């Protein structure tokens, strides 16, 4: 547990984060949005994932979009993180939950609903402790599990 913020240690490599206290609440610097955002348990997971994708997997920050709005069946929804490939097509959709929230079929279904609009080849679901990466095998109408996120093409 991080004693300054009371947030748990996650199943990601250790990263150096810029955290500050403002108005009695902690904020963390988002390297994609280039601003401080409220340090919620879900944001803690999202920032670990962003740093992992950038520092460990080589994903460029310029190809990441955080908390974007989309329409799903005519209703506005907000995704956690989308990575675009070098042709600027959506490549990976990440759904982040706070560490104490179990990853369930409902979580997977949520990401799949978002993917009806985004049509990404890879889905990544994490609560910071457990991670699941899947690719869509369209011809067979099924998903295939991957041990880690793919390299960006």
N, C-alpha and C. Protein backbone atom coordinates (compact mmCIF):
# COMPACT_ATOMS: atom_id res chain seq x y z
N UNK A 1 0.85 -1.18 0.00
CA UNK A 1 0.00 0.00 0.00
C UNK A 1 0.89 1.24 0.00
N UNK A 2 0.58 2.19 -0.82
CA UNK A 2 1.27 3.47 -0.86
C UNK A 2 0.75 4.28 0.34
N UNK A 3 1.63 4.55 1.30
CA UNK A 3 1.17 5.17 2.54
C UNK A 3 0.75 6.62 2.37
N UNK A 4 1.25 7.32 1.37
CA UNK A 4 0.88 8.73 1.21
C UNK A 4 -0.51 8.88 0.59
N UNK A 5 -0.96 7.92 -0.19
CA UNK A 5 -2.25 8.03 -0.86
C UNK A 5 -3.23 6.94 -0.46
N UNK A 6 -2.78 5.94 0.30
CA UNK A 6 -3.61 4.80 0.69
C UNK A 6 -4.12 4.00 -0.50
N UNK A 7 -3.38 3.97 -1.58
CA UNK A 7 -3.75 3.19 -2.75
C UNK A 7 -2.87 1.94 -2.80
N UNK A 8 -3.42 0.83 -3.27
CA UNK A 8 -2.67 -0.44 -3.25
C UNK A 8 -1.55 -0.50 -4.28
N UNK A 9 -0.58 -1.35 -3.98
CA UNK A 9 0.46 -1.68 -4.95
C UNK A 9 -0.22 -2.55 -6.01
N UNK A 10 0.04 -2.24 -7.28
CA UNK A 10 -0.63 -2.95 -8.38
C UNK A 10 0.31 -3.94 -9.04
N UNK A 11 -0.25 -4.78 -9.87
CA UNK A 11 0.49 -5.80 -10.60
C UNK A 11 1.02 -5.21 -11.92
N UNK A 12 1.80 -4.15 -11.78
CA UNK A 12 2.51 -3.49 -12.88
C UNK A 12 3.91 -3.22 -12.37
N UNK A 13 4.86 -2.96 -13.27
CA UNK A 13 6.17 -2.52 -12.80
C UNK A 13 6.03 -1.21 -12.01
N UNK A 14 7.02 -0.89 -11.23
CA UNK A 14 7.01 0.35 -10.45
C UNK A 14 7.34 1.53 -11.35
N UNK A 15 6.57 2.59 -11.23
CA UNK A 15 6.80 3.81 -12.00
C UNK A 15 6.86 4.99 -11.05
N UNK A 16 7.50 6.06 -11.53
CA UNK A 16 7.56 7.30 -10.77
C UNK A 16 6.42 8.20 -11.25
N UNK A 17 5.53 8.55 -10.34
CA UNK A 17 4.39 9.39 -10.68
C UNK A 17 4.53 10.75 -10.02
N UNK A 18 3.98 11.76 -10.66
CA UNK A 18 3.91 13.09 -10.06
C UNK A 18 2.54 13.20 -9.39
N UNK A 19 2.57 13.23 -8.05
CA UNK A 19 1.34 13.31 -7.26
C UNK A 19 1.44 14.55 -6.38
N UNK A 20 0.34 15.27 -6.31
CA UNK A 20 0.29 16.45 -5.45
C UNK A 20 -1.03 16.47 -4.71
N UNK A 21 -1.07 17.27 -3.68
CA UNK A 21 -2.31 17.45 -2.92
C UNK A 21 -2.84 18.84 -3.24
N UNK A 22 -4.10 18.90 -3.67
CA UNK A 22 -4.73 20.18 -4.00
C UNK A 22 -6.14 20.18 -3.43
N UNK A 23 -6.45 21.20 -2.66
CA UNK A 23 -7.77 21.28 -2.07
C UNK A 23 -8.10 20.12 -1.17
N UNK A 24 -7.09 19.56 -0.52
CA UNK A 24 -7.31 18.44 0.39
C UNK A 24 -7.39 17.08 -0.30
N UNK A 25 -7.27 17.05 -1.62
CA UNK A 25 -7.35 15.79 -2.35
C UNK A 25 -6.08 15.58 -3.17
N UNK A 26 -5.76 14.29 -3.37
CA UNK A 26 -4.58 13.96 -4.18
C UNK A 26 -4.91 14.03 -5.66
N UNK A 27 -3.94 14.50 -6.43
CA UNK A 27 -4.03 14.51 -7.89
C UNK A 27 -2.78 13.87 -8.45
N UNK A 28 -2.95 13.25 -9.62
CA UNK A 28 -1.83 12.60 -10.30
C UNK A 28 -1.69 13.21 -11.69
N UNK A 29 -0.45 13.38 -12.13
CA UNK A 29 -0.23 13.97 -13.46
C UNK A 29 -0.42 12.91 -14.53
N UNK A 30 -1.32 13.19 -15.46
CA UNK A 30 -1.59 12.30 -16.59
C UNK A 30 -0.68 12.73 -17.74
N UNK A 31 0.23 11.84 -18.13
CA UNK A 31 1.21 12.18 -19.17
C UNK A 31 0.59 12.22 -20.57
N UNK A 32 -0.63 11.70 -20.72
CA UNK A 32 -1.31 11.78 -22.02
C UNK A 32 -2.06 13.10 -22.12
N UNK A 33 -2.87 13.40 -21.11
CA UNK A 33 -3.66 14.64 -21.12
C UNK A 33 -2.83 15.85 -20.72
N UNK A 34 -1.63 15.60 -20.19
CA UNK A 34 -0.69 16.63 -19.78
C UNK A 34 -1.29 17.60 -18.75
N UNK A 35 -1.95 17.00 -17.75
CA UNK A 35 -2.53 17.79 -16.66
C UNK A 35 -2.74 16.88 -15.45
N UNK A 36 -2.90 17.53 -14.30
CA UNK A 36 -3.22 16.79 -13.08
C UNK A 36 -4.70 16.45 -13.08
N UNK A 37 -5.01 15.22 -12.66
CA UNK A 37 -6.39 14.75 -12.55
C UNK A 37 -6.58 14.14 -11.17
N UNK A 38 -7.83 14.06 -10.74
CA UNK A 38 -8.14 13.51 -9.43
C UNK A 38 -7.62 12.07 -9.32
N UNK A 39 -6.94 11.79 -8.23
CA UNK A 39 -6.35 10.47 -8.01
C UNK A 39 -7.36 9.54 -7.35
N UNK A 40 -8.22 8.97 -8.17
CA UNK A 40 -9.19 7.97 -7.71
C UNK A 40 -8.54 6.59 -7.84
N UNK A 41 -9.11 5.57 -7.21
CA UNK A 41 -8.55 4.22 -7.39
C UNK A 41 -8.53 3.77 -8.86
N UNK A 42 -9.56 4.12 -9.63
CA UNK A 42 -9.56 3.76 -11.06
C UNK A 42 -8.48 4.52 -11.82
N UNK A 43 -8.28 5.80 -11.48
CA UNK A 43 -7.24 6.59 -12.14
C UNK A 43 -5.86 6.04 -11.81
N UNK A 44 -5.68 5.54 -10.60
CA UNK A 44 -4.43 4.91 -10.20
C UNK A 44 -4.10 3.74 -11.13
N UNK A 45 -5.11 2.93 -11.44
CA UNK A 45 -4.94 1.80 -12.35
C UNK A 45 -4.65 2.31 -13.76
N UNK A 46 -5.45 3.29 -14.23
CA UNK A 46 -5.27 3.81 -15.59
C UNK A 46 -3.87 4.39 -15.79
N UNK A 47 -3.38 5.14 -14.80
CA UNK A 47 -2.05 5.74 -14.94
C UNK A 47 -0.96 4.68 -14.95
N UNK A 48 -1.11 3.63 -14.17
CA UNK A 48 -0.15 2.52 -14.24
C UNK A 48 -0.17 1.89 -15.63
N UNK A 49 -1.37 1.68 -16.17
CA UNK A 49 -1.47 1.08 -17.50
C UNK A 49 -0.84 1.98 -18.55
N UNK A 50 -1.12 3.27 -18.50
CA UNK A 50 -0.52 4.21 -19.47
C UNK A 50 0.99 4.14 -19.40
N UNK A 51 1.54 4.19 -18.20
CA UNK A 51 3.01 4.14 -18.05
C UNK A 51 3.56 2.80 -18.53
N UNK A 52 2.86 1.72 -18.25
CA UNK A 52 3.29 0.41 -18.72
C UNK A 52 3.33 0.37 -20.25
N UNK A 53 2.25 0.80 -20.86
CA UNK A 53 2.18 0.77 -22.34
C UNK A 53 3.25 1.65 -22.95
N UNK A 54 3.50 2.80 -22.36
CA UNK A 54 4.48 3.74 -22.92
C UNK A 54 5.92 3.31 -22.62
N UNK A 55 6.22 3.08 -21.35
CA UNK A 55 7.60 2.82 -20.95
C UNK A 55 8.07 1.39 -21.20
N UNK A 56 7.17 0.42 -21.10
CA UNK A 56 7.56 -0.98 -21.24
C UNK A 56 7.26 -1.56 -22.62
N UNK A 57 6.19 -1.10 -23.25
CA UNK A 57 5.79 -1.65 -24.55
C UNK A 57 6.06 -0.70 -25.71
N UNK A 58 6.49 0.52 -25.44
CA UNK A 58 6.87 1.46 -26.49
C UNK A 58 5.71 2.15 -27.20
N UNK A 59 4.53 2.14 -26.62
CA UNK A 59 3.38 2.81 -27.24
C UNK A 59 3.58 4.33 -27.14
N UNK A 60 3.52 5.06 -28.25
CA UNK A 60 3.68 6.52 -28.20
C UNK A 60 2.49 7.18 -27.50
N UNK A 61 2.78 8.17 -26.68
CA UNK A 61 1.72 8.90 -25.99
C UNK A 61 0.76 9.57 -26.97
N UNK A 62 1.29 9.99 -28.12
CA UNK A 62 0.48 10.69 -29.12
C UNK A 62 -0.60 9.79 -29.71
N UNK A 63 -0.46 8.47 -29.55
CA UNK A 63 -1.44 7.54 -30.09
C UNK A 63 -2.43 7.05 -29.02
N UNK A 64 -2.44 7.72 -27.87
CA UNK A 64 -3.34 7.35 -26.78
C UNK A 64 -4.41 8.41 -26.61
N UNK A 65 -5.63 7.96 -26.34
CA UNK A 65 -6.72 8.86 -25.98
C UNK A 65 -7.34 8.36 -24.69
N UNK A 66 -7.42 9.24 -23.70
CA UNK A 66 -7.94 8.91 -22.39
C UNK A 66 -9.35 9.47 -22.23
N UNK A 67 -10.24 8.65 -21.70
CA UNK A 67 -11.61 9.04 -21.40
C UNK A 67 -12.30 9.76 -22.57
N UNK A 68 -12.32 9.10 -23.70
CA UNK A 68 -12.99 9.66 -24.86
C UNK A 68 -14.47 9.32 -24.86
N UNK A 69 -15.25 10.15 -25.50
CA UNK A 69 -16.70 9.94 -25.59
C UNK A 69 -17.04 9.25 -26.91
N UNK A 70 -17.93 8.27 -26.83
CA UNK A 70 -18.44 7.59 -28.01
C UNK A 70 -19.94 7.38 -27.84
N UNK A 71 -20.61 7.07 -28.93
CA UNK A 71 -22.02 6.70 -28.87
C UNK A 71 -22.12 5.19 -29.03
N UNK A 72 -22.85 4.56 -28.11
CA UNK A 72 -23.08 3.11 -28.16
C UNK A 72 -24.60 2.92 -28.17
N UNK A 73 -25.09 2.42 -29.29
CA UNK A 73 -26.55 2.27 -29.45
C UNK A 73 -27.28 3.58 -29.19
N UNK A 74 -26.68 4.68 -29.67
CA UNK A 74 -27.30 6.00 -29.54
C UNK A 74 -27.12 6.66 -28.19
N UNK A 75 -26.45 6.00 -27.25
CA UNK A 75 -26.24 6.55 -25.91
C UNK A 75 -24.78 6.96 -25.73
N UNK A 76 -24.54 8.12 -25.11
CA UNK A 76 -23.15 8.55 -24.88
C UNK A 76 -22.47 7.67 -23.83
N UNK A 77 -21.27 7.26 -24.10
CA UNK A 77 -20.46 6.46 -23.18
C UNK A 77 -19.05 7.02 -23.18
N UNK A 78 -18.31 6.72 -22.12
CA UNK A 78 -16.94 7.21 -21.99
C UNK A 78 -16.02 6.01 -21.78
N UNK A 79 -15.08 5.81 -22.71
CA UNK A 79 -14.11 4.72 -22.55
C UNK A 79 -12.93 5.21 -21.72
N UNK A 80 -12.19 4.27 -21.16
CA UNK A 80 -11.03 4.61 -20.34
C UNK A 80 -9.81 4.98 -21.17
N UNK A 81 -9.45 4.13 -22.11
CA UNK A 81 -8.24 4.36 -22.89
C UNK A 81 -8.34 3.64 -24.23
N UNK A 82 -8.03 4.37 -25.30
CA UNK A 82 -7.92 3.77 -26.62
C UNK A 82 -6.54 4.09 -27.17
N UNK A 83 -5.92 3.08 -27.74
CA UNK A 83 -4.64 3.23 -28.41
C UNK A 83 -4.90 3.14 -29.91
N UNK A 84 -4.32 4.04 -30.66
CA UNK A 84 -4.45 4.04 -32.12
C UNK A 84 -3.17 3.48 -32.72
N UNK A 85 -3.29 2.86 -33.89
CA UNK A 85 -2.09 2.40 -34.59
C UNK A 85 -1.50 3.59 -35.35
N UNK A 86 -0.42 3.35 -36.06
CA UNK A 86 0.27 4.45 -36.75
C UNK A 86 -0.52 5.01 -37.93
N UNK A 87 -1.57 4.30 -38.34
CA UNK A 87 -2.47 4.82 -39.39
C UNK A 87 -3.67 5.53 -38.76
N UNK A 88 -3.63 5.69 -37.42
CA UNK A 88 -4.66 6.36 -36.63
C UNK A 88 -6.00 5.62 -36.61
N UNK A 89 -5.94 4.30 -36.77
CA UNK A 89 -7.12 3.46 -36.59
C UNK A 89 -7.11 2.95 -35.16
N UNK A 90 -8.27 2.88 -34.50
CA UNK A 90 -8.30 2.32 -33.14
C UNK A 90 -7.72 0.90 -33.15
N UNK A 91 -6.80 0.65 -32.23
CA UNK A 91 -6.05 -0.60 -32.19
C UNK A 91 -6.34 -1.41 -30.93
N UNK A 92 -6.42 -0.72 -29.78
CA UNK A 92 -6.61 -1.41 -28.51
C UNK A 92 -7.52 -0.56 -27.62
N UNK A 93 -8.52 -1.20 -27.06
CA UNK A 93 -9.41 -0.56 -26.10
C UNK A 93 -9.11 -1.12 -24.73
N UNK A 94 -8.84 -0.25 -23.76
CA UNK A 94 -8.57 -0.69 -22.40
C UNK A 94 -9.69 -0.22 -21.49
N UNK A 95 -10.18 -1.13 -20.69
CA UNK A 95 -11.19 -0.82 -19.68
C UNK A 95 -10.55 -1.04 -18.32
N UNK A 96 -10.51 0.01 -17.51
CA UNK A 96 -9.88 -0.04 -16.19
C UNK A 96 -10.93 0.01 -15.10
N UNK A 97 -10.75 -0.82 -14.11
CA UNK A 97 -11.59 -0.83 -12.91
C UNK A 97 -10.69 -0.60 -11.72
N UNK A 98 -11.26 -0.14 -10.62
CA UNK A 98 -10.45 0.03 -9.43
C UNK A 98 -10.06 -1.34 -8.87
N UNK A 99 -8.96 -1.39 -8.12
CA UNK A 99 -8.42 -2.69 -7.68
C UNK A 99 -9.38 -3.58 -6.91
N UNK A 100 -10.30 -3.03 -6.16
CA UNK A 100 -11.21 -3.86 -5.36
C UNK A 100 -12.41 -4.35 -6.16
N UNK A 101 -12.53 -3.92 -7.41
CA UNK A 101 -13.65 -4.37 -8.26
C UNK A 101 -13.19 -5.60 -9.05
N UNK A 102 -13.91 -6.68 -8.90
CA UNK A 102 -13.58 -7.91 -9.62
C UNK A 102 -13.87 -7.75 -11.11
N UNK A 103 -13.03 -8.36 -11.92
CA UNK A 103 -13.26 -8.40 -13.36
C UNK A 103 -14.23 -9.54 -13.61
N UNK A 104 -15.38 -9.19 -14.17
CA UNK A 104 -16.44 -10.18 -14.38
C UNK A 104 -16.88 -10.18 -15.84
N UNK A 105 -17.81 -11.03 -16.14
CA UNK A 105 -18.40 -11.06 -17.49
C UNK A 105 -19.02 -9.70 -17.81
N UNK A 106 -19.58 -9.04 -16.82
CA UNK A 106 -20.18 -7.72 -17.02
C UNK A 106 -19.13 -6.72 -17.51
N UNK A 107 -17.93 -6.79 -16.96
CA UNK A 107 -16.85 -5.91 -17.39
C UNK A 107 -16.47 -6.20 -18.83
N UNK A 108 -16.33 -7.46 -19.14
CA UNK A 108 -16.00 -7.87 -20.51
C UNK A 108 -17.10 -7.42 -21.47
N UNK A 109 -18.37 -7.59 -21.08
CA UNK A 109 -19.51 -7.17 -21.91
C UNK A 109 -19.48 -5.66 -22.15
N UNK A 110 -19.12 -4.89 -21.12
CA UNK A 110 -19.02 -3.43 -21.26
C UNK A 110 -18.00 -3.08 -22.34
N UNK A 111 -16.82 -3.68 -22.29
CA UNK A 111 -15.79 -3.42 -23.29
C UNK A 111 -16.27 -3.84 -24.68
N UNK A 112 -16.97 -4.96 -24.76
CA UNK A 112 -17.48 -5.43 -26.06
C UNK A 112 -18.51 -4.46 -26.62
N UNK A 113 -19.36 -3.90 -25.76
CA UNK A 113 -20.34 -2.90 -26.23
C UNK A 113 -19.63 -1.68 -26.79
N UNK A 114 -18.59 -1.21 -26.09
CA UNK A 114 -17.82 -0.07 -26.58
C UNK A 114 -17.18 -0.42 -27.92
N UNK A 115 -16.80 -1.67 -28.06
CA UNK A 115 -16.13 -2.08 -29.29
C UNK A 115 -17.08 -2.16 -30.48
N UNK A 116 -18.38 -2.19 -30.24
CA UNK A 116 -19.34 -2.11 -31.35
C UNK A 116 -19.13 -0.82 -32.13
N UNK A 117 -18.75 0.24 -31.42
CA UNK A 117 -18.49 1.53 -32.06
C UNK A 117 -17.04 1.65 -32.51
N UNK A 118 -16.10 1.22 -31.68
CA UNK A 118 -14.68 1.44 -31.96
C UNK A 118 -14.08 0.41 -32.92
N UNK A 119 -14.55 -0.82 -32.85
CA UNK A 119 -14.07 -1.89 -33.73
C UNK A 119 -12.55 -2.08 -33.67
N UNK A 120 -12.05 -2.23 -32.46
CA UNK A 120 -10.61 -2.46 -32.28
C UNK A 120 -10.31 -3.96 -32.36
N UNK A 121 -9.11 -4.32 -32.78
CA UNK A 121 -8.77 -5.75 -32.80
C UNK A 121 -8.39 -6.31 -31.41
N UNK A 122 -8.05 -5.43 -30.44
CA UNK A 122 -7.62 -5.91 -29.11
C UNK A 122 -8.39 -5.21 -28.00
N UNK A 123 -8.77 -6.00 -27.00
CA UNK A 123 -9.39 -5.49 -25.78
C UNK A 123 -8.48 -5.84 -24.61
N UNK A 124 -8.30 -4.88 -23.72
CA UNK A 124 -7.49 -5.10 -22.52
C UNK A 124 -8.32 -4.66 -21.32
N UNK A 125 -8.51 -5.55 -20.37
CA UNK A 125 -9.32 -5.27 -19.20
C UNK A 125 -8.45 -5.50 -17.97
N UNK A 126 -8.47 -4.52 -17.05
CA UNK A 126 -7.63 -4.65 -15.85
C UNK A 126 -8.26 -3.96 -14.66
N UNK A 127 -7.97 -4.48 -13.49
CA UNK A 127 -8.27 -3.78 -12.25
C UNK A 127 -6.95 -3.46 -11.53
N UNK A 128 -5.86 -3.57 -12.27
CA UNK A 128 -4.54 -3.30 -11.71
C UNK A 128 -3.90 -4.50 -11.07
N UNK A 129 -4.72 -5.46 -10.69
CA UNK A 129 -4.22 -6.69 -10.06
C UNK A 129 -4.27 -7.82 -11.08
N UNK A 130 -5.39 -7.93 -11.75
CA UNK A 130 -5.56 -8.94 -12.82
C UNK A 130 -5.73 -8.23 -14.14
N UNK A 131 -5.11 -8.81 -15.18
CA UNK A 131 -5.16 -8.22 -16.52
C UNK A 131 -5.62 -9.30 -17.50
N UNK A 132 -6.44 -8.88 -18.46
CA UNK A 132 -6.91 -9.79 -19.51
C UNK A 132 -6.82 -9.08 -20.84
N UNK A 133 -6.15 -9.72 -21.78
CA UNK A 133 -6.04 -9.17 -23.13
C UNK A 133 -6.61 -10.18 -24.11
N UNK A 134 -7.47 -9.69 -25.00
CA UNK A 134 -8.14 -10.54 -25.98
C UNK A 134 -8.04 -9.90 -27.36
N UNK A 135 -8.01 -10.74 -28.36
CA UNK A 135 -8.15 -10.24 -29.74
C UNK A 135 -9.39 -10.89 -30.33
N UNK A 136 -9.99 -10.19 -31.24
CA UNK A 136 -11.19 -10.68 -31.90
C UNK A 136 -10.79 -11.52 -33.11
N UNK A 137 -11.26 -12.75 -33.15
CA UNK A 137 -11.09 -13.62 -34.32
C UNK A 137 -12.43 -13.55 -35.05
N UNK A 138 -12.57 -12.54 -35.92
CA UNK A 138 -13.85 -12.20 -36.53
C UNK A 138 -14.44 -13.36 -37.34
N UNK A 139 -13.61 -14.05 -38.09
CA UNK A 139 -14.11 -15.13 -38.94
C UNK A 139 -14.76 -16.24 -38.12
N UNK A 140 -14.31 -16.41 -36.89
CA UNK A 140 -14.84 -17.47 -36.03
C UNK A 140 -15.77 -16.93 -34.93
N UNK A 141 -16.01 -15.63 -34.93
CA UNK A 141 -16.89 -14.98 -33.95
C UNK A 141 -16.52 -15.35 -32.52
N UNK A 142 -15.22 -15.20 -32.21
CA UNK A 142 -14.76 -15.51 -30.86
C UNK A 142 -13.57 -14.62 -30.51
N UNK A 143 -13.23 -14.62 -29.24
CA UNK A 143 -12.07 -13.89 -28.76
C UNK A 143 -10.97 -14.87 -28.39
N UNK A 144 -9.73 -14.43 -28.59
CA UNK A 144 -8.58 -15.25 -28.25
C UNK A 144 -7.80 -14.54 -27.15
N UNK A 145 -7.46 -15.26 -26.08
CA UNK A 145 -6.73 -14.70 -24.95
C UNK A 145 -5.25 -14.52 -25.29
N UNK A 146 -4.65 -13.42 -24.80
CA UNK A 146 -3.21 -13.16 -24.95
C UNK A 146 -2.63 -12.89 -23.57
N UNK A 147 -1.44 -13.34 -23.33
CA UNK A 147 -0.79 -13.16 -22.02
C UNK A 147 -0.40 -11.71 -21.77
N UNK A 148 -0.24 -10.93 -22.82
CA UNK A 148 0.16 -9.52 -22.67
C UNK A 148 -0.39 -8.73 -23.85
N UNK A 149 -0.34 -7.43 -23.74
CA UNK A 149 -0.77 -6.59 -24.85
C UNK A 149 0.19 -6.78 -26.02
N UNK A 150 -0.29 -6.65 -27.24
CA UNK A 150 0.59 -6.81 -28.40
C UNK A 150 1.50 -5.61 -28.57
N UNK A 151 2.54 -5.79 -29.34
CA UNK A 151 3.34 -4.65 -29.75
C UNK A 151 2.53 -3.83 -30.72
N UNK A 152 2.74 -2.54 -30.72
CA UNK A 152 1.98 -1.69 -31.62
C UNK A 152 2.52 -1.89 -33.05
N UNK A 153 1.61 -2.03 -34.01
CA UNK A 153 2.11 -2.28 -35.39
C UNK A 153 2.76 -1.04 -36.00
